[in-house]
Amino acid sequence: MSFSAVNGSSRPALTMRLTLRIGIVMSRFNLDIGEGLLSACIAELRKHDVPDSNLLLITVPGALEIPLA
């Protein structure tokens, strides 16, 4: 997937940021690490203006269940 630049920046075009839907799968096995990675991921998406309504978070018991989510 390619993004079109806005005014020469590397940020995706506004329409792409508003329509982009992201699914995040997180293992509950090691919550301290998982929640740290999740908060960094969400912070980066917010920095790029992806609305929270376009994010879907699925948690699974362990790493082996991630592909099944």
Protein backbone atom coordinates (compact mmCIF):
# COMPACT_ATOMS: atom_id res chain seq x y z
CA MET A 1 0.00 0.00 0.00
CA SER A 2 1.40 3.38 -0.90
CA PHE A 3 0.63 6.67 0.78
CA SER A 4 0.44 9.98 -0.98
CA ALA A 5 2.39 12.77 0.66
CA VAL A 6 0.85 15.96 2.00
CA ASN A 7 2.87 19.08 1.14
CA GLY A 8 6.02 17.02 0.63
CA SER A 9 5.85 15.38 4.07
CA SER A 10 6.03 11.65 4.67
CA ARG A 11 2.67 11.63 6.48
CA PRO A 12 -0.21 9.87 4.70
CA ALA A 13 -2.87 12.00 3.05
CA LEU A 14 -5.73 13.09 5.34
CA THR A 15 -8.30 10.87 3.62
CA MET A 16 -6.07 7.83 4.10
CA ARG A 17 -5.60 8.57 7.82
CA LEU A 18 -9.33 8.96 8.35
CA THR A 19 -10.33 5.81 6.46
CA LEU A 20 -7.46 3.57 7.57
CA ARG A 21 -8.69 0.79 9.87
CA ILE A 22 -6.15 -0.98 12.06
CA GLY A 23 -6.52 -4.25 13.92
CA ILE A 24 -4.17 -4.93 16.85
CA VAL A 25 -3.81 -8.38 18.40
CA MET A 26 -2.21 -8.55 21.85
CA SER A 27 -1.29 -11.55 23.96
CA ARG A 28 -2.36 -11.44 27.62
CA PHE A 29 0.45 -13.83 28.64
CA ASN A 30 2.87 -11.08 29.66
CA LEU A 31 0.69 -8.02 30.27
CA ASP A 32 3.49 -5.69 31.38
CA ILE A 33 5.29 -6.00 28.06
CA GLY A 34 2.09 -6.23 25.99
CA GLU A 35 0.54 -3.11 27.50
CA GLY A 36 3.77 -1.16 27.02
CA LEU A 37 3.92 -2.12 23.36
CA LEU A 38 0.20 -1.40 22.94
CA SER A 39 0.44 2.09 24.45
CA ALA A 40 3.43 2.93 22.22
CA CYS A 41 1.57 1.63 19.16
CA ILE A 42 -1.58 3.63 19.94
CA ALA A 43 0.44 6.77 20.71
CA GLU A 44 2.17 6.52 17.32
CA LEU A 45 -1.15 6.02 15.51
CA ARG A 46 -2.65 9.03 17.31
CA LYS A 47 0.42 11.07 16.36
CA HIS A 48 -0.48 10.32 12.74
CA ASP A 49 -4.12 11.35 13.31
CA VAL A 50 -5.66 7.88 13.04
CA PRO A 51 -8.94 8.16 15.01
CA ASP A 52 -9.57 5.75 17.91
CA SER A 53 -12.80 4.68 16.23
CA ASN A 54 -10.69 3.12 13.44
CA LEU A 55 -8.73 0.91 15.87
CA LEU A 56 -9.77 -2.60 16.87
CA LEU A 57 -8.02 -4.35 19.76
CA ILE A 58 -8.28 -8.12 20.20
CA THR A 59 -6.60 -9.85 23.15
CA VAL A 60 -5.77 -13.54 23.23
CA PRO A 61 -4.44 -15.79 26.02
CA GLY A 62 -0.99 -16.45 24.52
CA ALA A 63 1.23 -16.14 21.46
CA LEU A 64 -0.03 -19.34 19.87
CA GLU A 65 -3.56 -17.89 19.58
CA ILE A 66 -2.48 -14.71 17.77
CA PRO A 67 -2.85 -16.16 14.23
CA LEU A 68 -6.34 -17.38 15.12
CA ALA A 69 -7.56 -13.95 16.16
